[in-house]
Amino acid sequence: SHEAYLERNREFEDSRELIEILRLYRHDFLNHLQVITGFIQ
């Protein structure tokens, strides 16, 4: 039971980190769009 708890906790931490990474990529993508828009303007 303790090992299962630790495994679930590791999976939760991995998921949390991936969510943060996805947020970072979304932020970067929006920055790219702003740069491209600036060049066009």
PDB file of all heavy atoms in Angstrom:
ATOM      1  N   SER A   1       0.829  -1.207   0.000  1.00  0.00           N
ATOM      2  CA  SER A   1       0.000   0.000   0.000  1.00  0.00           C
ATOM      3  C   SER A   1       0.860   1.251   0.000  1.00  0.00           C
ATOM      4  O   SER A   1       0.562   2.222  -0.716  1.00  0.00           O
ATOM      5  CB  SER A   1      -0.925  -0.010   1.216  1.00  0.00           C
ATOM      6  OG  SER A   1      -1.688   1.179   1.269  1.00  0.00           O
ATOM      7  N   HIS A   2       1.944   1.217   0.777  1.00  0.00           N
ATOM      8  CA  HIS A   2       2.844   2.372   0.829  1.00  0.00           C
ATOM      9  C   HIS A   2       3.538   2.578  -0.512  1.00  0.00           C
ATOM     10  O   HIS A   2       3.673   3.713  -0.990  1.00  0.00           O
ATOM     11  CB  HIS A   2       3.876   2.166   1.937  1.00  0.00           C
ATOM     12  CG  HIS A   2       4.824   3.317   2.095  1.00  0.00           C
ATOM     13  ND1 HIS A   2       4.427   4.585   2.472  1.00  0.00           N
ATOM     14  CD2 HIS A   2       6.176   3.396   1.875  1.00  0.00           C
ATOM     15  CE1 HIS A   2       5.467   5.394   2.500  1.00  0.00           C
ATOM     16  NE2 HIS A   2       6.532   4.703   2.151  1.00  0.00           N
ATOM     17  N   GLU A   3       3.964   1.475  -1.136  1.00  0.00           N
ATOM     18  CA  GLU A   3       4.620   1.573  -2.444  1.00  0.00           C
ATOM     19  C   GLU A   3       3.650   2.099  -3.489  1.00  0.00           C
ATOM     20  O   GLU A   3       4.017   2.914  -4.338  1.00  0.00           O
ATOM     21  CB  GLU A   3       5.148   0.199  -2.857  1.00  0.00           C
ATOM     22  CG  GLU A   3       5.917   0.206  -4.170  1.00  0.00           C
ATOM     23  CD  GLU A   3       7.122   1.114  -4.152  1.00  0.00           C
ATOM     24  OE1 GLU A   3       7.771   1.232  -3.097  1.00  0.00           O
ATOM     25  OE2 GLU A   3       7.412   1.738  -5.205  1.00  0.00           O
ATOM     26  N   ALA A   4       2.395   1.658  -3.423  1.00  0.00           N
ATOM     27  CA  ALA A   4       1.389   2.156  -4.365  1.00  0.00           C
ATOM     28  C   ALA A   4       1.158   3.643  -4.166  1.00  0.00           C
ATOM     29  O   ALA A   4       0.983   4.398  -5.133  1.00  0.00           O
ATOM     30  CB  ALA A   4       0.075   1.384  -4.185  1.00  0.00           C
ATOM     31  N   TYR A   5       1.148   4.063  -2.890  1.00  0.00           N
ATOM     32  CA  TYR A   5       0.983   5.494  -2.591  1.00  0.00           C
ATOM     33  C   TYR A   5       2.149   6.298  -3.171  1.00  0.00           C
ATOM     34  O   TYR A   5       1.942   7.360  -3.781  1.00  0.00           O
ATOM     35  CB  TYR A   5       0.914   5.695  -1.082  1.00  0.00           C
ATOM     36  CG  TYR A   5       1.077   7.146  -0.650  1.00  0.00           C
ATOM     37  CD1 TYR A   5       0.028   8.053  -0.778  1.00  0.00           C
ATOM     38  CD2 TYR A   5       2.299   7.603  -0.155  1.00  0.00           C
ATOM     39  CE1 TYR A   5       0.179   9.376  -0.410  1.00  0.00           C
ATOM     40  CE2 TYR A   5       2.458   8.928   0.216  1.00  0.00           C
ATOM     41  CZ  TYR A   5       1.407   9.807   0.086  1.00  0.00           C
ATOM     42  OH  TYR A   5       1.573  11.112   0.448  1.00  0.00           O
ATOM     43  N   LEU A   6       3.370   5.802  -3.001  1.00  0.00           N
ATOM     44  CA  LEU A   6       4.538   6.503  -3.526  1.00  0.00           C
ATOM     45  C   LEU A   6       4.488   6.581  -5.047  1.00  0.00           C
ATOM     46  O   LEU A   6       4.845   7.607  -5.631  1.00  0.00           O
ATOM     47  CB  LEU A   6       5.826   5.799  -3.080  1.00  0.00           C
ATOM     48  CG  LEU A   6       6.147   5.847  -1.582  1.00  0.00           C
ATOM     49  CD1 LEU A   6       7.404   5.037  -1.290  1.00  0.00           C
ATOM     50  CD2 LEU A   6       6.337   7.288  -1.118  1.00  0.00           C
ATOM     51  N   GLU A   7       4.039   5.488  -5.682  1.00  0.00           N
ATOM     52  CA  GLU A   7       3.952   5.473  -7.139  1.00  0.00           C
ATOM     53  C   GLU A   7       2.914   6.494  -7.620  1.00  0.00           C
ATOM     54  O   GLU A   7       3.153   7.222  -8.584  1.00  0.00           O
ATOM     55  CB  GLU A   7       3.588   4.076  -7.618  1.00  0.00           C
ATOM     56  CG  GLU A   7       3.473   3.932  -9.133  1.00  0.00           C
ATOM     57  CD  GLU A   7       4.775   4.229  -9.848  1.00  0.00           C
ATOM     58  OE1 GLU A   7       5.858   4.050  -9.241  1.00  0.00           O
ATOM     59  OE2 GLU A   7       4.712   4.661 -11.021  1.00  0.00           O
ATOM     60  N   ARG A   8       1.759   6.549  -6.951  1.00  0.00           N
ATOM     61  CA  ARG A   8       0.736   7.539  -7.328  1.00  0.00           C
ATOM     62  C   ARG A   8       1.258   8.955  -7.132  1.00  0.00           C
ATOM     63  O   ARG A   8       0.974   9.854  -7.926  1.00  0.00           O
ATOM     64  CB  ARG A   8      -0.536   7.317  -6.507  1.00  0.00           C
ATOM     65  CG  ARG A   8      -1.345   6.103  -6.917  1.00  0.00           C
ATOM     66  CD  ARG A   8      -2.748   6.147  -6.327  1.00  0.00           C
ATOM     67  NE  ARG A   8      -2.734   6.157  -4.883  1.00  0.00           N
ATOM     68  CZ  ARG A   8      -2.726   5.069  -4.122  1.00  0.00           C
ATOM     69  NH1 ARG A   8      -2.734   3.873  -4.687  1.00  0.00           N
ATOM     70  NH2 ARG A   8      -2.729   5.169  -2.804  1.00  0.00           N
ATOM     71  N   ASN A   9       2.034   9.142  -6.069  1.00  0.00           N
ATOM     72  CA  ASN A   9       2.596  10.465  -5.802  1.00  0.00           C
ATOM     73  C   ASN A   9       3.590  10.862  -6.883  1.00  0.00           C
ATOM     74  O   ASN A   9       3.616  12.014  -7.337  1.00  0.00           O
ATOM     75  CB  ASN A   9       3.276  10.481  -4.436  1.00  0.00           C
ATOM     76  CG  ASN A   9       3.615  11.885  -3.979  1.00  0.00           C
ATOM     77  OD1 ASN A   9       2.751  12.749  -3.926  1.00  0.00           O
ATOM     78  ND2 ASN A   9       4.877  12.122  -3.659  1.00  0.00           N
ATOM     79  N   ARG A  10       4.406   9.886  -7.320  1.00  0.00           N
ATOM     80  CA  ARG A  10       5.355  10.164  -8.407  1.00  0.00           C
ATOM     81  C   ARG A  10       4.614  10.508  -9.690  1.00  0.00           C
ATOM     82  O   ARG A  10       5.010  11.419 -10.427  1.00  0.00           O
ATOM     83  CB  ARG A  10       6.271   8.947  -8.619  1.00  0.00           C
ATOM     84  CG  ARG A  10       7.372   8.794  -7.583  1.00  0.00           C
ATOM     85  CD  ARG A  10       8.388   7.761  -8.018  1.00  0.00           C
ATOM     86  NE  ARG A  10       7.833   6.423  -8.005  1.00  0.00           N
ATOM     87  CZ  ARG A  10       7.922   5.588  -6.980  1.00  0.00           C
ATOM     88  NH1 ARG A  10       8.540   5.976  -5.880  1.00  0.00           N
ATOM     89  NH2 ARG A  10       7.408   4.375  -7.053  1.00  0.00           N
ATOM     90  N   GLU A  11       3.545   9.763  -9.971  1.00  0.00           N
ATOM     91  CA  GLU A  11       2.754  10.036 -11.176  1.00  0.00           C
ATOM     92  C   GLU A  11       2.126  11.421 -11.101  1.00  0.00           C
ATOM     93  O   GLU A  11       2.058  12.140 -12.110  1.00  0.00           O
ATOM     94  CB  GLU A  11       1.672   8.967 -11.339  1.00  0.00           C
ATOM     95  CG  GLU A  11       2.219   7.594 -11.698  1.00  0.00           C
ATOM     96  CD  GLU A  11       1.126   6.542 -11.740  1.00  0.00           C
ATOM     97  OE1 GLU A  11      -0.033   6.884 -11.401  1.00  0.00           O
ATOM     98  OE2 GLU A  11       1.433   5.398 -12.114  1.00  0.00           O
ATOM     99  N   PHE A  12       1.651  11.797  -9.908  1.00  0.00           N
ATOM    100  CA  PHE A  12       1.063  13.125  -9.726  1.00  0.00           C
ATOM    101  C   PHE A  12       2.102  14.212  -9.976  1.00  0.00           C
ATOM    102  O   PHE A  12       1.818  15.208 -10.666  1.00  0.00           O
ATOM    103  CB  PHE A  12       0.500  13.259  -8.314  1.00  0.00           C
ATOM    104  CG  PHE A  12       0.037  14.653  -7.983  1.00  0.00           C
ATOM    105  CD1 PHE A  12      -1.165  15.140  -8.462  1.00  0.00           C
ATOM    106  CD2 PHE A  12       0.838  15.496  -7.204  1.00  0.00           C
ATOM    107  CE1 PHE A  12      -1.584  16.429  -8.167  1.00  0.00           C
ATOM    108  CE2 PHE A  12       0.430  16.780  -6.902  1.00  0.00           C
ATOM    109  CZ  PHE A  12      -0.778  17.257  -7.387  1.00  0.00           C
ATOM    110  N   GLU A  13       3.316  14.032  -9.443  1.00  0.00           N
ATOM    111  CA  GLU A  13       4.366  15.025  -9.635  1.00  0.00           C
ATOM    112  C   GLU A  13       4.760  15.120 -11.096  1.00  0.00           C
ATOM    113  O   GLU A  13       4.990  16.217 -11.623  1.00  0.00           O
ATOM    114  CB  GLU A  13       5.595  14.675  -8.777  1.00  0.00           C
ATOM    115  CG  GLU A  13       5.399  14.921  -7.293  1.00  0.00           C
ATOM    116  CD  GLU A  13       5.115  16.381  -6.982  1.00  0.00           C
ATOM    117  OE1 GLU A  13       5.772  17.256  -7.592  1.00  0.00           O
ATOM    118  OE2 GLU A  13       4.222  16.661  -6.162  1.00  0.00           O
ATOM    119  N   ASP A  14       4.831  13.964 -11.783  1.00  0.00           N
ATOM    120  CA  ASP A  14       5.144  13.979 -13.216  1.00  0.00           C
ATOM    121  C   ASP A  14       4.072  14.733 -13.987  1.00  0.00           C
ATOM    122  O   ASP A  14       4.376  15.534 -14.883  1.00  0.00           O
ATOM    123  CB  ASP A  14       5.253  12.544 -13.746  1.00  0.00           C
ATOM    124  CG  ASP A  14       6.535  11.863 -13.309  1.00  0.00           C
ATOM    125  OD1 ASP A  14       7.464  12.581 -12.873  1.00  0.00           O
ATOM    126  OD2 ASP A  14       6.615  10.628 -13.401  1.00  0.00           O
ATOM    127  N   SER A  15       2.802  14.481 -13.652  1.00  0.00           N
ATOM    128  CA  SER A  15       1.707  15.164 -14.334  1.00  0.00           C
ATOM    129  C   SER A  15       1.757  16.666 -14.081  1.00  0.00           C
ATOM    130  O   SER A  15       1.536  17.466 -14.994  1.00  0.00           O
ATOM    131  CB  SER A  15       0.359  14.601 -13.869  1.00  0.00           C
ATOM    132  OG  SER A  15       0.251  13.234 -14.181  1.00  0.00           O
ATOM    133  N   ARG A  16       2.052  17.042 -12.844  1.00  0.00           N
ATOM    134  CA  ARG A  16       2.132  18.467 -12.504  1.00  0.00           C
ATOM    135  C   ARG A  16       3.243  19.151 -13.295  1.00  0.00           C
ATOM    136  O   ARG A  16       3.056  20.259 -13.823  1.00  0.00           O
ATOM    137  CB  ARG A  16       2.377  18.632 -11.006  1.00  0.00           C
ATOM    138  CG  ARG A  16       2.341  20.077 -10.526  1.00  0.00           C
ATOM    139  CD  ARG A  16       2.658  20.173  -9.046  1.00  0.00           C
ATOM    140  NE  ARG A  16       3.989  19.688  -8.765  1.00  0.00           N
ATOM    141  CZ  ARG A  16       5.104  20.405  -8.962  1.00  0.00           C
ATOM    142  NH1 ARG A  16       5.022  21.631  -9.451  1.00  0.00           N
ATOM    143  NH2 ARG A  16       6.283  19.904  -8.672  1.00  0.00           N
ATOM    144  N   GLU A  17       4.395  18.488 -13.395  1.00  0.00           N
ATOM    145  CA  GLU A  17       5.504  19.068 -14.147  1.00  0.00           C
ATOM    146  C   GLU A  17       5.157  19.200 -15.619  1.00  0.00           C
ATOM    147  O   GLU A  17       5.491  20.207 -16.263  1.00  0.00           O
ATOM    148  CB  GLU A  17       6.762  18.208 -13.975  1.00  0.00           C
ATOM    149  CG  GLU A  17       7.383  18.288 -12.588  1.00  0.00           C
ATOM    150  CD  GLU A  17       8.645  17.455 -12.477  1.00  0.00           C
ATOM    151  OE1 GLU A  17       9.035  16.846 -13.489  1.00  0.00           O
ATOM    152  OE2 GLU A  17       9.218  17.399 -11.380  1.00  0.00           O
ATOM    153  N   LEU A  18       4.475  18.191 -16.177  1.00  0.00           N
ATOM    154  CA  LEU A  18       4.101  18.257 -17.592  1.00  0.00           C
ATOM    155  C   LEU A  18       3.106  19.382 -17.852  1.00  0.00           C
ATOM    156  O   LEU A  18       3.163  20.039 -18.899  1.00  0.00           O
ATOM    157  CB  LEU A  18       3.515  16.911 -18.034  1.00  0.00           C
ATOM    158  CG  LEU A  18       4.534  15.797 -18.263  1.00  0.00           C
ATOM    159  CD1 LEU A  18       3.812  14.487 -18.563  1.00  0.00           C
ATOM    160  CD2 LEU A  18       5.482  16.147 -19.404  1.00  0.00           C
ATOM    161  N   ILE A  19       2.190  19.594 -16.920  1.00  0.00           N
ATOM    162  CA  ILE A  19       1.241  20.702 -17.067  1.00  0.00           C
ATOM    163  C   ILE A  19       1.983  22.038 -17.092  1.00  0.00           C
ATOM    164  O   ILE A  19       1.675  22.922 -17.905  1.00  0.00           O
ATOM    165  CB  ILE A  19       0.202  20.665 -15.927  1.00  0.00           C
ATOM    166  CG1 ILE A  19      -0.742  19.468 -16.115  1.00  0.00           C
ATOM    167  CG2 ILE A  19      -0.610  21.969 -15.887  1.00  0.00           C
ATOM    168  CD1 ILE A  19      -1.660  19.226 -14.947  1.00  0.00           C
ATOM    169  N   GLU A  20       2.972  22.184 -16.217  1.00  0.00           N
ATOM    170  CA  GLU A  20       3.768  23.405 -16.205  1.00  0.00           C
ATOM    171  C   GLU A  20       4.522  23.587 -17.522  1.00  0.00           C
ATOM    172  O   GLU A  20       4.642  24.707 -18.038  1.00  0.00           O
ATOM    173  CB  GLU A  20       4.748  23.379 -15.033  1.00  0.00           C
ATOM    174  CG  GLU A  20       4.106  23.537 -13.671  1.00  0.00           C
ATOM    175  CD  GLU A  20       3.390  24.878 -13.540  1.00  0.00           C
ATOM    176  OE1 GLU A  20       3.937  25.895 -13.992  1.00  0.00           O
ATOM    177  OE2 GLU A  20       2.269  24.892 -12.989  1.00  0.00           O
ATOM    178  N   ILE A  21       5.038  22.481 -18.056  1.00  0.00           N
ATOM    179  CA  ILE A  21       5.757  22.549 -19.331  1.00  0.00           C
ATOM    180  C   ILE A  21       4.815  22.976 -20.452  1.00  0.00           C
ATOM    181  O   ILE A  21       5.159  23.815 -21.293  1.00  0.00           O
ATOM    182  CB  ILE A  21       6.393  21.185 -19.646  1.00  0.00           C
ATOM    183  CG1 ILE A  21       7.516  20.896 -18.643  1.00  0.00           C
ATOM    184  CG2 ILE A  21       6.954  21.163 -21.067  1.00  0.00           C
ATOM    185  CD1 ILE A  21       8.016  19.470 -18.701  1.00  0.00           C
ATOM    186  N   LEU A  22       3.605  22.410 -20.474  1.00  0.00           N
ATOM    187  CA  LEU A  22       2.626  22.780 -21.496  1.00  0.00           C
ATOM    188  C   LEU A  22       2.256  24.260 -21.396  1.00  0.00           C
ATOM    189  O   LEU A  22       2.079  24.939 -22.414  1.00  0.00           O
ATOM    190  CB  LEU A  22       1.380  21.901 -21.376  1.00  0.00           C
ATOM    191  CG  LEU A  22       1.556  20.433 -21.767  1.00  0.00           C
ATOM    192  CD1 LEU A  22       0.299  19.639 -21.428  1.00  0.00           C
ATOM    193  CD2 LEU A  22       1.888  20.308 -23.250  1.00  0.00           C
ATOM    194  N   ARG A  23       2.150  24.759 -20.176  1.00  0.00           N
ATOM    195  CA  ARG A  23       1.875  26.185 -19.986  1.00  0.00           C
ATOM    196  C   ARG A  23       3.011  27.030 -20.552  1.00  0.00           C
ATOM    197  O   ARG A  23       2.778  28.080 -21.167  1.00  0.00           O
ATOM    198  CB  ARG A  23       1.685  26.475 -18.499  1.00  0.00           C
ATOM    199  CG  ARG A  23       0.354  26.007 -17.929  1.00  0.00           C
ATOM    200  CD  ARG A  23       0.294  26.236 -16.436  1.00  0.00           C
ATOM    201  NE  ARG A  23      -0.998  25.829 -15.881  1.00  0.00           N
ATOM    202  CZ  ARG A  23      -1.236  25.708 -14.584  1.00  0.00           C
ATOM    203  NH1 ARG A  23      -0.269  25.952 -13.705  1.00  0.00           N
ATOM    204  NH2 ARG A  23      -2.426  25.337 -14.159  1.00  0.00           N
ATOM    205  N   LEU A  24       4.238  26.565 -20.323  1.00  0.00           N
ATOM    206  CA  LEU A  24       5.391  27.295 -20.832  1.00  0.00           C
ATOM    207  C   LEU A  24       5.370  27.335 -22.362  1.00  0.00           C
ATOM    208  O   LEU A  24       5.605  28.392 -22.971  1.00  0.00           O
ATOM    209  CB  LEU A  24       6.686  26.636 -20.347  1.00  0.00           C
ATOM    210  CG  LEU A  24       7.985  27.210 -20.909  1.00  0.00           C
ATOM    211  CD1 LEU A  24       8.204  28.642 -20.391  1.00  0.00           C
ATOM    212  CD2 LEU A  24       9.179  26.347 -20.546  1.00  0.00           C
ATOM    213  N   TYR A  25       5.081  26.184 -22.997  1.00  0.00           N
ATOM    214  CA  TYR A  25       5.045  26.150 -24.457  1.00  0.00           C
ATOM    215  C   TYR A  25       3.911  27.011 -25.014  1.00  0.00           C
ATOM    216  O   TYR A  25       4.058  27.637 -26.074  1.00  0.00           O
ATOM    217  CB  TYR A  25       4.904  24.702 -24.947  1.00  0.00           C
ATOM    218  CG  TYR A  25       6.178  23.910 -24.832  1.00  0.00           C
ATOM    219  CD1 TYR A  25       6.184  22.622 -24.330  1.00  0.00           C
ATOM    220  CD2 TYR A  25       7.397  24.461 -25.223  1.00  0.00           C
ATOM    221  CE1 TYR A  25       7.358  21.895 -24.217  1.00  0.00           C
ATOM    222  CE2 TYR A  25       8.568  23.755 -25.108  1.00  0.00           C
ATOM    223  CZ  TYR A  25       8.547  22.471 -24.609  1.00  0.00           C
ATOM    224  OH  TYR A  25       9.711  21.765 -24.497  1.00  0.00           O
ATOM    225  N   ARG A  26       2.783  27.030 -24.312  1.00  0.00           N
ATOM    226  CA  ARG A  26       1.676  27.893 -24.739  1.00  0.00           C
ATOM    227  C   ARG A  26       2.112  29.351 -24.680  1.00  0.00           C
ATOM    228  O   ARG A  26       1.849  30.134 -25.606  1.00  0.00           O
ATOM    229  CB  ARG A  26       0.448  27.661 -23.847  1.00  0.00           C
ATOM    230  CG  ARG A  26      -0.726  28.579 -24.158  1.00  0.00           C
ATOM    231  CD  ARG A  26      -1.891  28.301 -23.214  1.00  0.00           C
ATOM    232  NE  ARG A  26      -3.003  29.195 -23.460  1.00  0.00           N
ATOM    233  CZ  ARG A  26      -3.099  30.438 -22.977  1.00  0.00           C
ATOM    234  NH1 ARG A  26      -2.139  30.921 -22.202  1.00  0.00           N
ATOM    235  NH2 ARG A  26      -4.155  31.184 -23.258  1.00  0.00           N
ATOM    236  N   HIS A  27       2.798  29.721 -23.592  1.00  0.00           N
ATOM    237  CA  HIS A  27       3.289  31.087 -23.444  1.00  0.00           C
ATOM    238  C   HIS A  27       4.279  31.426 -24.563  1.00  0.00           C
ATOM    239  O   HIS A  27       4.221  32.513 -25.162  1.00  0.00           O
ATOM    240  CB  HIS A  27       3.954  31.243 -22.080  1.00  0.00           C
ATOM    241  CG  HIS A  27       4.551  32.599 -21.839  1.00  0.00           C
ATOM    242  ND1 HIS A  27       3.778  33.721 -21.592  1.00  0.00           N
ATOM    243  CD2 HIS A  27       5.846  33.025 -21.815  1.00  0.00           C
ATOM    244  CE1 HIS A  27       4.563  34.777 -21.430  1.00  0.00           C
ATOM    245  NE2 HIS A  27       5.813  34.379 -21.557  1.00  0.00           N
ATOM    246  N   ASP A  28       5.184  30.497 -24.860  1.00  0.00           N
ATOM    247  CA  ASP A  28       6.158  30.722 -25.931  1.00  0.00           C
ATOM    248  C   ASP A  28       5.467  30.884 -27.278  1.00  0.00           C
ATOM    249  O   ASP A  28       5.862  31.723 -28.098  1.00  0.00           O
ATOM    250  CB  ASP A  28       7.151  29.552 -26.002  1.00  0.00           C
ATOM    251  CG  ASP A  28       8.172  29.601 -24.882  1.00  0.00           C
ATOM    252  OD1 ASP A  28       8.260  30.646 -24.210  1.00  0.00           O
ATOM    253  OD2 ASP A  28       8.874  28.602 -24.675  1.00  0.00           O
ATOM    254  N   PHE A  29       4.425  30.054 -27.517  1.00  0.00           N
ATOM    255  CA  PHE A  29       3.727  30.129 -28.796  1.00  0.00           C
ATOM    256  C   PHE A  29       3.047  31.480 -28.970  1.00  0.00           C
ATOM    257  O   PHE A  29       3.090  32.078 -30.059  1.00  0.00           O
ATOM    258  CB  PHE A  29       2.692  29.001 -28.880  1.00  0.00           C
ATOM    259  CG  PHE A  29       2.050  28.882 -30.233  1.00  0.00           C
ATOM    260  CD1 PHE A  29       2.754  28.404 -31.318  1.00  0.00           C
ATOM    261  CD2 PHE A  29       0.728  29.272 -30.425  1.00  0.00           C
ATOM    262  CE1 PHE A  29       2.169  28.303 -32.568  1.00  0.00           C
ATOM    263  CE2 PHE A  29       0.127  29.177 -31.667  1.00  0.00           C
ATOM    264  CZ  PHE A  29       0.851  28.694 -32.734  1.00  0.00           C
ATOM    265  N   LEU A  30       2.438  31.986 -27.908  1.00  0.00           N
ATOM    266  CA  LEU A  30       1.816  33.300 -27.971  1.00  0.00           C
ATOM    267  C   LEU A  30       2.857  34.385 -28.235  1.00  0.00           C
ATOM    268  O   LEU A  30       2.602  35.342 -28.988  1.00  0.00           O
ATOM    269  CB  LEU A  30       1.061  33.583 -26.664  1.00  0.00           C
ATOM    270  CG  LEU A  30      -0.178  32.729 -26.405  1.00  0.00           C
ATOM    271  CD1 LEU A  30      -0.755  33.026 -25.034  1.00  0.00           C
ATOM    272  CD2 LEU A  30      -1.228  32.942 -27.484  1.00  0.00           C
ATOM    273  N   ASN A  31       4.036  34.243 -27.637  1.00  0.00           N
ATOM    274  CA  ASN A  31       5.121  35.198 -27.903  1.00  0.00           C
ATOM    275  C   ASN A  31       5.527  35.169 -29.369  1.00  0.00           C
ATOM    276  O   ASN A  31       5.788  36.214 -29.982  1.00  0.00           O
ATOM    277  CB  ASN A  31       6.327  34.881 -27.023  1.00  0.00           C
ATOM    278  CG  ASN A  31       6.120  35.324 -25.583  1.00  0.00           C
ATOM    279  OD1 ASN A  31       5.276  36.166 -25.299  1.00  0.00           O
ATOM    280  ND2 ASN A  31       6.892  34.759 -24.675  1.00  0.00           N
ATOM    281  N   HIS A  32       5.600  33.944 -29.943  1.00  0.00           N
ATOM    282  CA  HIS A  32       5.947  33.825 -31.366  1.00  0.00           C
ATOM    283  C   HIS A  32       4.923  34.547 -32.233  1.00  0.00           C
ATOM    284  O   HIS A  32       5.291  35.264 -33.185  1.00  0.00           O
ATOM    285  CB  HIS A  32       6.016  32.347 -31.765  1.00  0.00           C
ATOM    286  CG  HIS A  32       7.148  31.590 -31.145  1.00  0.00           C
ATOM    287  ND1 HIS A  32       8.405  32.127 -31.003  1.00  0.00           N
ATOM    288  CD2 HIS A  32       7.215  30.329 -30.636  1.00  0.00           C
ATOM    289  CE1 HIS A  32       9.197  31.235 -30.427  1.00  0.00           C
ATOM    290  NE2 HIS A  32       8.497  30.149 -30.196  1.00  0.00           N
ATOM    291  N   LEU A  33       3.645  34.373 -31.917  1.00  0.00           N
ATOM    292  CA  LEU A  33       2.607  35.042 -32.698  1.00  0.00           C
ATOM    293  C   LEU A  33       2.733  36.565 -32.609  1.00  0.00           C
ATOM    294  O   LEU A  33       2.532  37.275 -33.606  1.00  0.00           O
ATOM    295  CB  LEU A  33       1.223  34.608 -32.196  1.00  0.00           C
ATOM    296  CG  LEU A  33       0.804  33.171 -32.492  1.00  0.00           C
ATOM    297  CD1 LEU A  33      -0.574  32.889 -31.916  1.00  0.00           C
ATOM    298  CD2 LEU A  33       0.818  32.896 -33.995  1.00  0.00           C
ATOM    299  N   GLN A  34       3.094  37.057 -31.429  1.00  0.00           N
ATOM    300  CA  GLN A  34       3.258  38.505 -31.252  1.00  0.00           C
ATOM    301  C   GLN A  34       4.437  39.032 -32.079  1.00  0.00           C
ATOM    302  O   GLN A  34       4.347  40.107 -32.687  1.00  0.00           O
ATOM    303  CB  GLN A  34       3.461  38.825 -29.775  1.00  0.00           C
ATOM    304  CG  GLN A  34       2.211  38.635 -28.935  1.00  0.00           C
ATOM    305  CD  GLN A  34       2.454  38.825 -27.457  1.00  0.00           C
ATOM    306  OE1 GLN A  34       3.590  38.959 -27.024  1.00  0.00           O
ATOM    307  NE2 GLN A  34       1.392  38.818 -26.666  1.00  0.00           N
ATOM    308  N   VAL A  35       5.522  38.271 -32.121  1.00  0.00           N
ATOM    309  CA  VAL A  35       6.681  38.693 -32.926  1.00  0.00           C
ATOM    310  C   VAL A  35       6.315  38.728 -34.401  1.00  0.00           C
ATOM    311  O   VAL A  35       6.639  39.689 -35.128  1.00  0.00           O
ATOM    312  CB  VAL A  35       7.877  37.741 -32.685  1.00  0.00           C
ATOM    313  CG1 VAL A  35       9.009  38.052 -33.667  1.00  0.00           C
ATOM    314  CG2 VAL A  35       8.376  37.865 -31.253  1.00  0.00           C
ATOM    315  N   ILE A  36       5.646  37.672 -34.867  1.00  0.00           N
ATOM    316  CA  ILE A  36       5.255  37.608 -36.277  1.00  0.00           C
ATOM    317  C   ILE A  36       4.305  38.758 -36.619  1.00  0.00           C
ATOM    318  O   ILE A  36       4.446  39.418 -37.669  1.00  0.00           O
ATOM    319  CB  ILE A  36       4.597  36.244 -36.576  1.00  0.00           C
ATOM    320  CG1 ILE A  36       5.630  35.127 -36.422  1.00  0.00           C
ATOM    321  CG2 ILE A  36       4.004  36.237 -37.990  1.00  0.00           C
ATOM    322  CD1 ILE A  36       5.019  33.741 -36.387  1.00  0.00           C
ATOM    323  N   THR A  37       3.346  39.006 -35.739  1.00  0.00           N
ATOM    324  CA  THR A  37       2.414  40.121 -35.947  1.00  0.00           C
ATOM    325  C   THR A  37       3.158  41.451 -36.016  1.00  0.00           C
ATOM    326  O   THR A  37       2.848  42.316 -36.856  1.00  0.00           O
ATOM    327  CB  THR A  37       1.373  40.174 -34.804  1.00  0.00           C
ATOM    328  OG1 THR A  37       0.662  38.940 -34.762  1.00  0.00           O
ATOM    329  CG2 THR A  37       0.395  41.318 -35.014  1.00  0.00           C
ATOM    330  N   GLY A  38       4.150  41.611 -35.165  1.00  0.00           N
ATOM    331  CA  GLY A  38       4.949  42.843 -35.168  1.00  0.00           C
ATOM    332  C   GLY A  38       5.668  43.056 -36.490  1.00  0.00           C
ATOM    333  O   GLY A  38       5.682  44.175 -37.028  1.00  0.00           O
ATOM    334  N   PHE A  39       6.268  41.990 -37.015  1.00  0.00           N
ATOM    335  CA  PHE A  39       6.956  42.108 -38.305  1.00  0.00           C
ATOM    336  C   PHE A  39       5.987  42.500 -39.419  1.00  0.00           C
ATOM    337  O   PHE A  39       6.310  43.329 -40.293  1.00  0.00           O
ATOM    338  CB  PHE A  39       7.639  40.784 -38.670  1.00  0.00           C
ATOM    339  CG  PHE A  39       8.948  40.553 -37.962  1.00  0.00           C
ATOM    340  CD1 PHE A  39       9.251  39.314 -37.410  1.00  0.00           C
ATOM    341  CD2 PHE A  39       9.903  41.554 -37.871  1.00  0.00           C
ATOM    342  CE1 PHE A  39      10.456  39.089 -36.770  1.00  0.00           C
ATOM    343  CE2 PHE A  39      11.110  41.349 -37.229  1.00  0.00           C
ATOM    344  CZ  PHE A  39      11.390  40.102 -36.674  1.00  0.00           C
ATOM    345  N   ILE A  40       4.797  41.897 -39.391  1.00  0.00           N
ATOM    346  CA  ILE A  40       3.804  42.204 -40.428  1.00  0.00           C
ATOM    347  C   ILE A  40       3.355  43.662 -40.318  1.00  0.00           C
ATOM    348  O   ILE A  40       3.239  44.378 -41.328  1.00  0.00           O
ATOM    349  CB  ILE A  40       2.602  41.246 -40.310  1.00  0.00           C
ATOM    350  CG1 ILE A  40       3.044  39.824 -40.651  1.00  0.00           C
ATOM    351  CG2 ILE A  40       1.463  41.696 -41.233  1.00  0.00           C
ATOM    352  CD1 ILE A  40       1.979  38.777 -40.406  1.00  0.00           C
ATOM    353  N   GLN A  41       3.121  44.124 -39.098  1.00  0.00           N
ATOM    354  CA  GLN A  41       2.702  45.513 -38.901  1.00  0.00           C
ATOM    355  C   GLN A  41       3.786  46.491 -39.332  1.00  0.00           C
ATOM    356  O   GLN A  41       3.477  47.617 -39.770  1.00  0.00           O
ATOM    357  CB  GLN A  41       2.335  45.731 -37.426  1.00  0.00           C
ATOM    358  CG  GLN A  41       1.051  45.027 -37.003  1.00  0.00           C
ATOM    359  CD  GLN A  41       0.788  45.142 -35.515  1.00  0.00           C
ATOM    360  OE1 GLN A  41       1.698  45.427 -34.733  1.00  0.00           O
ATOM    361  NE2 GLN A  41      -0.460  44.917 -35.110  1.00  0.00           N
TER     362      GLN A  41
END
